[in-house]
Amino acid sequence: MKAGWTEKDKDGDGMLSQEEMGDKAAKMTDADTDKNGSVSAAEYTAKKEAWFKKADTDGNGSLSKAEQDAAKAAKK
């Protein structure tokens, strides 16, 4: 699993509950694609990969500082 997942998944069930997501729960509800109230590792990874693909505007597989800044500004 991705680094950081195990720290967030306190009960080790392979899912992030709303409690485990904490203040990010509201932002992550769209990642819960099966609408079961928890975000699985696959759902979490898919959300992050979709964000990366959108942010990587030149499609080279890495994010420049300018791409990162633009992606952060678009979230506001």
PDB file of N, CA and C in Angstrom:
ATOM      1  N   MET A   1       0.828  -1.191   0.000  1.00  0.00           N
ATOM      2  CA  MET A   1       0.000   0.000   0.000  1.00  0.00           C
ATOM      3  C   MET A   1       0.863   1.241   0.000  1.00  0.00           C
ATOM      4  N   LYS A   2       0.253   2.338  -0.351  1.00  0.00           N
ATOM      5  CA  LYS A   2       0.978   3.601  -0.415  1.00  0.00           C
ATOM      6  C   LYS A   2       1.476   4.009   0.966  1.00  0.00           C
ATOM      7  N   ALA A   3       2.624   4.701   0.976  1.00  0.00           N
ATOM      8  CA  ALA A   3       3.169   5.228   2.214  1.00  0.00           C
ATOM      9  C   ALA A   3       2.149   6.163   2.839  1.00  0.00           C
ATOM     10  N   GLY A   4       2.017   6.088   4.136  1.00  0.00           N
ATOM     11  CA  GLY A   4       1.082   6.938   4.852  1.00  0.00           C
ATOM     12  C   GLY A   4      -0.271   6.286   5.074  1.00  0.00           C
ATOM     13  N   TRP A   5      -0.619   5.332   4.218  1.00  0.00           N
ATOM     14  CA  TRP A   5      -1.938   4.674   4.361  1.00  0.00           C
ATOM     15  C   TRP A   5      -2.024   3.965   5.705  1.00  0.00           C
ATOM     16  N   THR A   6      -1.009   3.213   6.067  1.00  0.00           N
ATOM     17  CA  THR A   6      -1.070   2.433   7.303  1.00  0.00           C
ATOM     18  C   THR A   6      -1.182   3.329   8.528  1.00  0.00           C
ATOM     19  N   GLU A   7      -0.585   4.515   8.468  1.00  0.00           N
ATOM     20  CA  GLU A   7      -0.715   5.444   9.595  1.00  0.00           C
ATOM     21  C   GLU A   7      -2.140   5.966   9.722  1.00  0.00           C
ATOM     22  N   LYS A   8      -2.800   6.158   8.583  1.00  0.00           N
ATOM     23  CA  LYS A   8      -4.176   6.657   8.600  1.00  0.00           C
ATOM     24  C   LYS A   8      -5.169   5.567   8.972  1.00  0.00           C
ATOM     25  N   ASP A   9      -4.904   4.336   8.539  1.00  0.00           N
ATOM     26  CA  ASP A   9      -5.802   3.203   8.770  1.00  0.00           C
ATOM     27  C   ASP A   9      -5.540   2.636  10.165  1.00  0.00           C
ATOM     28  N   LYS A  10      -6.050   3.309  11.174  1.00  0.00           N
ATOM     29  CA  LYS A  10      -5.754   2.982  12.571  1.00  0.00           C
ATOM     30  C   LYS A  10      -6.185   1.575  12.977  1.00  0.00           C
ATOM     31  N   ASP A  11      -7.329   1.109  12.458  1.00  0.00           N
ATOM     32  CA  ASP A  11      -7.810  -0.214  12.868  1.00  0.00           C
ATOM     33  C   ASP A  11      -7.331  -1.331  11.947  1.00  0.00           C
ATOM     34  N   GLY A  12      -6.567  -0.977  10.895  1.00  0.00           N
ATOM     35  CA  GLY A  12      -5.962  -1.966  10.029  1.00  0.00           C
ATOM     36  C   GLY A  12      -6.927  -2.773   9.174  1.00  0.00           C
ATOM     37  N   ASP A  13      -8.117  -2.206   8.909  1.00  0.00           N
ATOM     38  CA  ASP A  13      -9.096  -2.959   8.123  1.00  0.00           C
ATOM     39  C   ASP A  13      -8.988  -2.720   6.623  1.00  0.00           C
ATOM     40  N   GLY A  14      -7.996  -1.930   6.212  1.00  0.00           N
ATOM     41  CA  GLY A  14      -7.813  -1.664   4.789  1.00  0.00           C
ATOM     42  C   GLY A  14      -8.720  -0.584   4.242  1.00  0.00           C
ATOM     43  N   MET A  15      -9.459   0.085   5.113  1.00  0.00           N
ATOM     44  CA  MET A  15     -10.386   1.154   4.721  1.00  0.00           C
ATOM     45  C   MET A  15     -10.127   2.359   5.622  1.00  0.00           C
ATOM     46  N   LEU A  16     -10.432   3.545   5.100  1.00  0.00           N
ATOM     47  CA  LEU A  16     -10.388   4.742   5.931  1.00  0.00           C
ATOM     48  C   LEU A  16     -11.817   5.146   6.252  1.00  0.00           C
ATOM     49  N   SER A  17     -12.159   5.101   7.527  1.00  0.00           N
ATOM     50  CA  SER A  17     -13.481   5.541   7.966  1.00  0.00           C
ATOM     51  C   SER A  17     -13.480   7.068   8.051  1.00  0.00           C
ATOM     52  N   GLN A  18     -14.652   7.650   8.250  1.00  0.00           N
ATOM     53  CA  GLN A  18     -14.722   9.098   8.389  1.00  0.00           C
ATOM     54  C   GLN A  18     -13.906   9.551   9.595  1.00  0.00           C
ATOM     55  N   GLU A  19     -13.917   8.778  10.659  1.00  0.00           N
ATOM     56  CA  GLU A  19     -13.130   9.125  11.842  1.00  0.00           C
ATOM     57  C   GLU A  19     -11.637   9.111  11.523  1.00  0.00           C
ATOM     58  N   GLU A  20     -11.186   8.108  10.776  1.00  0.00           N
ATOM     59  CA  GLU A  20      -9.772   8.017  10.429  1.00  0.00           C
ATOM     60  C   GLU A  20      -9.356   9.115   9.452  1.00  0.00           C
ATOM     61  N   MET A  21     -10.276   9.567   8.622  1.00  0.00           N
ATOM     62  CA  MET A  21      -9.966  10.651   7.692  1.00  0.00           C
ATOM     63  C   MET A  21      -9.912  11.993   8.393  1.00  0.00           C
ATOM     64  N   GLY A  22     -10.554  12.106   9.538  1.00  0.00           N
ATOM     65  CA  GLY A  22     -10.534  13.337  10.316  1.00  0.00           C
ATOM     66  C   GLY A  22     -11.090  14.516   9.549  1.00  0.00           C
ATOM     67  N   ASP A  23     -10.363  15.643   9.571  1.00  0.00           N
ATOM     68  CA  ASP A  23     -10.840  16.863   8.922  1.00  0.00           C
ATOM     69  C   ASP A  23     -10.850  16.769   7.400  1.00  0.00           C
ATOM     70  N   LYS A  24     -10.274  15.735   6.837  1.00  0.00           N
ATOM     71  CA  LYS A  24     -10.279  15.548   5.383  1.00  0.00           C
ATOM     72  C   LYS A  24     -11.482  14.728   4.919  1.00  0.00           C
ATOM     73  N   ALA A  25     -12.325  14.278   5.840  1.00  0.00           N
ATOM     74  CA  ALA A  25     -13.463  13.419   5.487  1.00  0.00           C
ATOM     75  C   ALA A  25     -14.362  14.070   4.448  1.00  0.00           C
ATOM     76  N   ALA A  26     -14.667  15.336   4.621  1.00  0.00           N
ATOM     77  CA  ALA A  26     -15.551  16.019   3.671  1.00  0.00           C
ATOM     78  C   ALA A  26     -14.927  16.076   2.281  1.00  0.00           C
ATOM     79  N   LYS A  27     -13.620  16.257   2.209  1.00  0.00           N
ATOM     80  CA  LYS A  27     -12.931  16.325   0.920  1.00  0.00           C
ATOM     81  C   LYS A  27     -12.838  14.957   0.252  1.00  0.00           C
ATOM     82  N   MET A  28     -12.884  13.895   1.040  1.00  0.00           N
ATOM     83  CA  MET A  28     -12.682  12.559   0.500  1.00  0.00           C
ATOM     84  C   MET A  28     -13.982  11.837   0.158  1.00  0.00           C
ATOM     85  N   THR A  29     -15.136  12.441   0.435  1.00  0.00           N
ATOM     86  CA  THR A  29     -16.388  11.733   0.173  1.00  0.00           C
ATOM     87  C   THR A  29     -16.544  11.367  -1.294  1.00  0.00           C
ATOM     88  N   ASP A  30     -16.011  12.173  -2.203  1.00  0.00           N
ATOM     89  CA  ASP A  30     -16.104  11.826  -3.622  1.00  0.00           C
ATOM     90  C   ASP A  30     -15.213  10.645  -3.993  1.00  0.00           C
ATOM     91  N   ALA A  31     -14.223  10.326  -3.144  1.00  0.00           N
ATOM     92  CA  ALA A  31     -13.372   9.161  -3.391  1.00  0.00           C
ATOM     93  C   ALA A  31     -14.088   7.863  -3.021  1.00  0.00           C
ATOM     94  N   ASP A  32     -15.115   7.953  -2.188  1.00  0.00           N
ATOM     95  CA  ASP A  32     -15.878   6.777  -1.750  1.00  0.00           C
ATOM     96  C   ASP A  32     -16.850   6.390  -2.858  1.00  0.00           C
ATOM     97  N   THR A  33     -16.315   5.802  -3.912  1.00  0.00           N
ATOM     98  CA  THR A  33     -17.110   5.548  -5.114  1.00  0.00           C
ATOM     99  C   THR A  33     -18.201   4.511  -4.919  1.00  0.00           C
ATOM    100  N   ASP A  34     -18.029   3.600  -3.960  1.00  0.00           N
ATOM    101  CA  ASP A  34     -19.091   2.610  -3.725  1.00  0.00           C
ATOM    102  C   ASP A  34     -20.069   3.066  -2.637  1.00  0.00           C
ATOM    103  N   LYS A  35     -19.848   4.267  -2.095  1.00  0.00           N
ATOM    104  CA  LYS A  35     -20.739   4.914  -1.121  1.00  0.00           C
ATOM    105  C   LYS A  35     -21.040   4.041   0.092  1.00  0.00           C
ATOM    106  N   ASN A  36     -19.990   3.366   0.608  1.00  0.00           N
ATOM    107  CA  ASN A  36     -20.178   2.543   1.794  1.00  0.00           C
ATOM    108  C   ASN A  36     -19.747   3.244   3.077  1.00  0.00           C
ATOM    109  N   GLY A  37     -19.376   4.525   2.980  1.00  0.00           N
ATOM    110  CA  GLY A  37     -18.982   5.302   4.148  1.00  0.00           C
ATOM    111  C   GLY A  37     -17.513   5.204   4.503  1.00  0.00           C
ATOM    112  N   SER A  38     -16.745   4.427   3.740  1.00  0.00           N
ATOM    113  CA  SER A  38     -15.304   4.283   3.953  1.00  0.00           C
ATOM    114  C   SER A  38     -14.596   4.387   2.608  1.00  0.00           C
ATOM    115  N   VAL A  39     -13.331   4.771   2.661  1.00  0.00           N
ATOM    116  CA  VAL A  39     -12.518   4.861   1.448  1.00  0.00           C
ATOM    117  C   VAL A  39     -11.488   3.737   1.488  1.00  0.00           C
ATOM    118  N   SER A  40     -11.553   2.857   0.507  1.00  0.00           N
ATOM    119  CA  SER A  40     -10.589   1.755   0.430  1.00  0.00           C
ATOM    120  C   SER A  40      -9.266   2.273  -0.124  1.00  0.00           C
ATOM    121  N   ALA A  41      -8.237   1.457  -0.004  1.00  0.00           N
ATOM    122  CA  ALA A  41      -6.937   1.823  -0.558  1.00  0.00           C
ATOM    123  C   ALA A  41      -7.047   2.052  -2.059  1.00  0.00           C
ATOM    124  N   ALA A  42      -7.832   1.228  -2.737  1.00  0.00           N
ATOM    125  CA  ALA A  42      -7.999   1.377  -4.193  1.00  0.00           C
ATOM    126  C   ALA A  42      -8.704   2.685  -4.528  1.00  0.00           C
ATOM    127  N   GLU A  43      -9.739   3.035  -3.766  1.00  0.00           N
ATOM    128  CA  GLU A  43     -10.450   4.295  -4.009  1.00  0.00           C
ATOM    129  C   GLU A  43      -9.539   5.491  -3.738  1.00  0.00           C
ATOM    130  N   TYR A  44      -8.781   5.427  -2.664  1.00  0.00           N
ATOM    131  CA  TYR A  44      -7.851   6.495  -2.294  1.00  0.00           C
ATOM    132  C   TYR A  44      -6.794   6.682  -3.378  1.00  0.00           C
ATOM    133  N   THR A  45      -6.226   5.579  -3.832  1.00  0.00           N
ATOM    134  CA  THR A  45      -5.200   5.619  -4.874  1.00  0.00           C
ATOM    135  C   THR A  45      -5.762   6.175  -6.174  1.00  0.00           C
ATOM    136  N   ALA A  46      -6.965   5.756  -6.534  1.00  0.00           N
ATOM    137  CA  ALA A  46      -7.590   6.244  -7.771  1.00  0.00           C
ATOM    138  C   ALA A  46      -7.798   7.750  -7.714  1.00  0.00           C
ATOM    139  N   LYS A  47      -8.223   8.265  -6.560  1.00  0.00           N
ATOM    140  CA  LYS A  47      -8.425   9.713  -6.418  1.00  0.00           C
ATOM    141  C   LYS A  47      -7.102  10.456  -6.571  1.00  0.00           C
ATOM    142  N   LYS A  48      -6.071   9.958  -5.913  1.00  0.00           N
ATOM    143  CA  LYS A  48      -4.758  10.605  -5.996  1.00  0.00           C
ATOM    144  C   LYS A  48      -4.187  10.538  -7.417  1.00  0.00           C
ATOM    145  N   GLU A  49      -4.356   9.401  -8.077  1.00  0.00           N
ATOM    146  CA  GLU A  49      -3.857   9.260  -9.445  1.00  0.00           C
ATOM    147  C   GLU A  49      -4.606  10.178 -10.406  1.00  0.00           C
ATOM    148  N   ALA A  50      -5.907  10.339 -10.205  1.00  0.00           N
ATOM    149  CA  ALA A  50      -6.688  11.243 -11.057  1.00  0.00           C
ATOM    150  C   ALA A  50      -6.219  12.684 -10.861  1.00  0.00           C
ATOM    151  N   TRP A  51      -5.957  13.062  -9.607  1.00  0.00           N
ATOM    152  CA  TRP A  51      -5.453  14.413  -9.332  1.00  0.00           C
ATOM    153  C   TRP A  51      -4.109  14.617 -10.030  1.00  0.00           C
ATOM    154  N   PHE A  52      -3.206  13.633  -9.911  1.00  0.00           N
ATOM    155  CA  PHE A  52      -1.878  13.746 -10.519  1.00  0.00           C
ATOM    156  C   PHE A  52      -1.993  13.888 -12.030  1.00  0.00           C
ATOM    157  N   LYS A  53      -2.814  13.052 -12.637  1.00  0.00           N
ATOM    158  CA  LYS A  53      -2.954  13.092 -14.101  1.00  0.00           C
ATOM    159  C   LYS A  53      -3.463  14.462 -14.552  1.00  0.00           C
ATOM    160  N   LYS A  54      -4.409  15.017 -13.827  1.00  0.00           N
ATOM    161  CA  LYS A  54      -4.945  16.341 -14.160  1.00  0.00           C
ATOM    162  C   LYS A  54      -3.878  17.422 -13.958  1.00  0.00           C
ATOM    163  N   ALA A  55      -3.101  17.295 -12.893  1.00  0.00           N
ATOM    164  CA  ALA A  55      -2.065  18.298 -12.590  1.00  0.00           C
ATOM    165  C   ALA A  55      -0.890  18.237 -13.557  1.00  0.00           C
ATOM    166  N   ASP A  56      -0.616  17.063 -14.107  1.00  0.00           N
ATOM    167  CA  ASP A  56       0.518  16.868 -15.023  1.00  0.00           C
ATOM    168  C   ASP A  56       0.115  17.346 -16.417  1.00  0.00           C
ATOM    169  N   THR A  57       0.051  18.646 -16.574  1.00  0.00           N
ATOM    170  CA  THR A  57      -0.502  19.231 -17.801  1.00  0.00           C
ATOM    171  C   THR A  57       0.330  18.956 -19.049  1.00  0.00           C
ATOM    172  N   ASP A  58       1.616  18.706 -18.889  1.00  0.00           N
ATOM    173  CA  ASP A  58       2.415  18.398 -20.077  1.00  0.00           C
ATOM    174  C   ASP A  58       2.531  16.882 -20.320  1.00  0.00           C
ATOM    175  N   GLY A  59       1.957  16.091 -19.420  1.00  0.00           N
ATOM    176  CA  GLY A  59       1.899  14.652 -19.615  1.00  0.00           C
ATOM    177  C   GLY A  59       3.223  13.912 -19.554  1.00  0.00           C
ATOM    178  N   ASN A  60       4.217  14.490 -18.876  1.00  0.00           N
ATOM    179  CA  ASN A  60       5.531  13.841 -18.853  1.00  0.00           C
ATOM    180  C   ASN A  60       5.732  12.896 -17.671  1.00  0.00           C
ATOM    181  N   GLY A  61       4.704  12.716 -16.833  1.00  0.00           N
ATOM    182  CA  GLY A  61       4.800  11.782 -15.717  1.00  0.00           C
ATOM    183  C   GLY A  61       5.432  12.331 -14.465  1.00  0.00           C
ATOM    184  N   SER A  62       5.724  13.617 -14.453  1.00  0.00           N
ATOM    185  CA  SER A  62       6.229  14.260 -13.242  1.00  0.00           C
ATOM    186  C   SER A  62       5.625  15.657 -13.148  1.00  0.00           C
ATOM    187  N   LEU A  63       5.612  16.194 -11.921  1.00  0.00           N
ATOM    188  CA  LEU A  63       5.029  17.521 -11.713  1.00  0.00           C
ATOM    189  C   LEU A  63       6.124  18.547 -11.467  1.00  0.00           C
ATOM    190  N   SER A  64       6.134  19.562 -12.296  1.00  0.00           N
ATOM    191  CA  SER A  64       7.050  20.685 -12.079  1.00  0.00           C
ATOM    192  C   SER A  64       6.481  21.538 -10.944  1.00  0.00           C
ATOM    193  N   LYS A  65       7.278  22.439 -10.449  1.00  0.00           N
ATOM    194  CA  LYS A  65       6.813  23.370  -9.405  1.00  0.00           C
ATOM    195  C   LYS A  65       5.629  24.174  -9.928  1.00  0.00           C
ATOM    196  N   ALA A  66       5.691  24.601 -11.172  1.00  0.00           N
ATOM    197  CA  ALA A  66       4.609  25.381 -11.766  1.00  0.00           C
ATOM    198  C   ALA A  66       3.315  24.554 -11.838  1.00  0.00           C
ATOM    199  N   GLU A  67       3.431  23.285 -12.207  1.00  0.00           N
ATOM    200  CA  GLU A  67       2.249  22.419 -12.265  1.00  0.00           C
ATOM    201  C   GLU A  67       1.665  22.199 -10.869  1.00  0.00           C
ATOM    202  N   GLN A  68       2.543  21.997  -9.883  1.00  0.00           N
ATOM    203  CA  GLN A  68       2.072  21.824  -8.504  1.00  0.00           C
ATOM    204  C   GLN A  68       1.357  23.073  -8.015  1.00  0.00           C
ATOM    205  N   ASP A  69       1.957  24.231  -8.255  1.00  0.00           N
ATOM    206  CA  ASP A  69       1.354  25.494  -7.831  1.00  0.00           C
ATOM    207  C   ASP A  69       0.004  25.716  -8.505  1.00  0.00           C
ATOM    208  N   ALA A  70      -0.074  25.419  -9.796  1.00  0.00           N
ATOM    209  CA  ALA A  70      -1.329  25.585 -10.518  1.00  0.00           C
ATOM    210  C   ALA A  70      -2.401  24.641  -9.995  1.00  0.00           C
ATOM    211  N   ALA A  71      -2.031  23.414  -9.683  1.00  0.00           N
ATOM    212  CA  ALA A  71      -2.989  22.439  -9.153  1.00  0.00           C
ATOM    213  C   ALA A  71      -3.504  22.871  -7.795  1.00  0.00           C
ATOM    214  N   LYS A  72      -2.615  23.371  -6.944  1.00  0.00           N
ATOM    215  CA  LYS A  72      -3.025  23.860  -5.615  1.00  0.00           C
ATOM    216  C   LYS A  72      -3.933  25.060  -5.748  1.00  0.00           C
ATOM    217  N   ALA A  73      -3.625  25.975  -6.653  1.00  0.00           N
ATOM    218  CA  ALA A  73      -4.445  27.167  -6.848  1.00  0.00           C
ATOM    219  C   ALA A  73      -5.832  26.791  -7.373  1.00  0.00           C
ATOM    220  N   ALA A  74      -5.903  25.765  -8.208  1.00  0.00           N
ATOM    221  CA  ALA A  74      -7.188  25.334  -8.756  1.00  0.00           C
ATOM    222  C   ALA A  74      -8.094  24.738  -7.684  1.00  0.00           C
ATOM    223  N   LYS A  75      -7.524  24.215  -6.616  1.00  0.00           N
ATOM    224  CA  LYS A  75      -8.312  23.622  -5.523  1.00  0.00           C
ATOM    225  C   LYS A  75      -8.997  24.688  -4.680  1.00  0.00           C
ATOM    226  N   LYS A  76      -8.492  25.897  -4.725  1.00  0.00           N
ATOM    227  CA  LYS A  76      -9.026  26.970  -3.851  1.00  0.00           C
ATOM    228  C   LYS A  76     -10.332  27.511  -4.382  1.00  0.00           C
TER     229      LYS A  76
END
